[in-house]
Protein backbone atom coordinates (compact mmCIF):
# COMPACT_ATOMS: atom_id res chain seq x y z
CA MET A 1 -191.09 -64.15 62.62
CA ASP A 2 -193.32 -62.32 60.53
CA GLU A 3 -191.90 -58.21 62.31
CA LEU A 4 -188.47 -58.10 61.62
CA ILE A 5 -186.41 -54.62 63.94
CA VAL A 6 -182.86 -53.85 62.37
CA LYS A 7 -182.05 -50.88 65.16
CA GLU A 8 -178.14 -49.98 65.08
CA CYS A 9 -177.23 -52.05 62.32
CA PRO A 10 -174.99 -49.16 60.81
CA LYS A 11 -172.42 -52.01 58.76
CA LEU A 12 -175.90 -54.43 57.86
CA GLU A 13 -175.49 -54.45 54.38
CA ILE A 14 -177.54 -58.14 53.78
CA PHE A 15 -178.50 -60.26 56.10
CA SER A 16 -177.43 -63.30 54.59
CA ASP A 17 -175.13 -64.72 51.51
CA SER A 18 -177.55 -67.49 51.36
CA GLU A 19 -181.25 -67.89 50.88
CA ILE A 20 -183.26 -67.20 53.85
CA HIS A 21 -187.44 -68.72 53.42
CA ALA A 22 -188.92 -67.35 56.58
CA PRO A 23 -192.63 -67.57 55.02
CA GLU A 24 -194.02 -65.49 58.07
CA LEU A 25 -191.93 -62.18 57.89
CA LYS A 26 -194.10 -59.60 56.41
CA LYS A 27 -192.12 -56.88 57.79
CA VAL A 28 -188.20 -55.27 59.04
CA CYS A 29 -188.61 -52.19 60.92
CA ARG A 30 -185.77 -49.50 62.23
CA THR A 31 -187.28 -49.03 65.07
CA GLY A 32 -189.79 -51.11 67.26
CA TYR A 33 -192.44 -47.59 65.29
CA ASP A 34 -191.96 -47.09 62.38
CA LYS A 35 -194.28 -48.98 60.49
CA GLY A 36 -191.45 -51.21 58.25
CA CYS A 37 -191.06 -52.34 53.85
CA TRP A 38 -190.52 -55.45 53.00
CA GLU A 39 -189.31 -55.62 49.56
CA VAL A 40 -189.40 -59.24 47.27
CA ASP A 41 -186.02 -60.67 49.89
CA LEU A 42 -184.97 -60.13 52.77
CA ASN A 43 -181.81 -59.32 51.54
CA THR A 44 -183.26 -56.65 48.70
CA THR A 45 -185.56 -54.79 52.07
CA ILE A 46 -181.75 -54.11 53.67
CA ARG A 47 -180.58 -53.00 50.78
CA THR A 48 -184.32 -50.70 50.66
CA LEU A 49 -183.67 -49.54 54.68
CA ASN A 50 -180.40 -48.68 53.80
CA ALA A 51 -180.56 -46.29 50.68
CA GLU A 52 -183.24 -44.12 52.10
CA LYS A 53 -181.25 -43.96 55.97
CA ARG A 54 -178.95 -42.96 53.31
CA ASP A 55 -180.79 -40.64 51.56
CA THR A 56 -182.37 -39.59 54.65
CA LEU A 57 -179.10 -38.54 55.91
CA GLU A 58 -178.72 -36.32 52.96
CA GLU A 59 -181.59 -34.56 52.75
CA LEU A 60 -180.03 -33.20 56.21
CA GLY A 61 -177.14 -32.52 55.54
CA SER A 62 -178.35 -30.58 53.29
CA LEU A 63 -180.61 -28.72 55.36
CA ARG A 64 -178.20 -28.35 58.22
CA TRP A 65 -176.62 -26.25 55.37
CA LYS A 66 -179.02 -24.48 53.64
CA LEU A 67 -180.71 -22.99 57.57
CA ALA A 68 -176.71 -22.19 58.19
CA ASN A 69 -176.27 -20.18 55.29
CA LEU A 70 -180.19 -19.37 55.89
CA TRP A 71 -178.68 -17.69 58.78
CA ALA A 72 -175.72 -16.35 58.55
CA PRO A 73 -175.94 -13.36 56.88
CA ILE A 74 -177.76 -12.15 59.94
CA SER A 75 -175.54 -13.32 62.67
CA ALA A 76 -173.22 -11.08 60.43
CA GLU A 77 -175.03 -7.70 60.61
CA GLY A 78 -175.33 -8.78 64.58
CA ILE A 79 -178.64 -8.39 65.31
């Protein structure tokens, strides 16, 4: 196995409590289309992917708030 896809697993924090020996594994992807990533080991890689996903969701929430406030004055004016 050289690639692992972890799709629709929001509660997955680690892959295993024990050490995983997968010398051929080169990347872990969230979808079959992203470039994937690899850290020191499988559990660390999954933690990194989760942190990146959290950061992305926080950024999207912030952008949503900014857009709502940007459009609110225009809507209030009736334009």
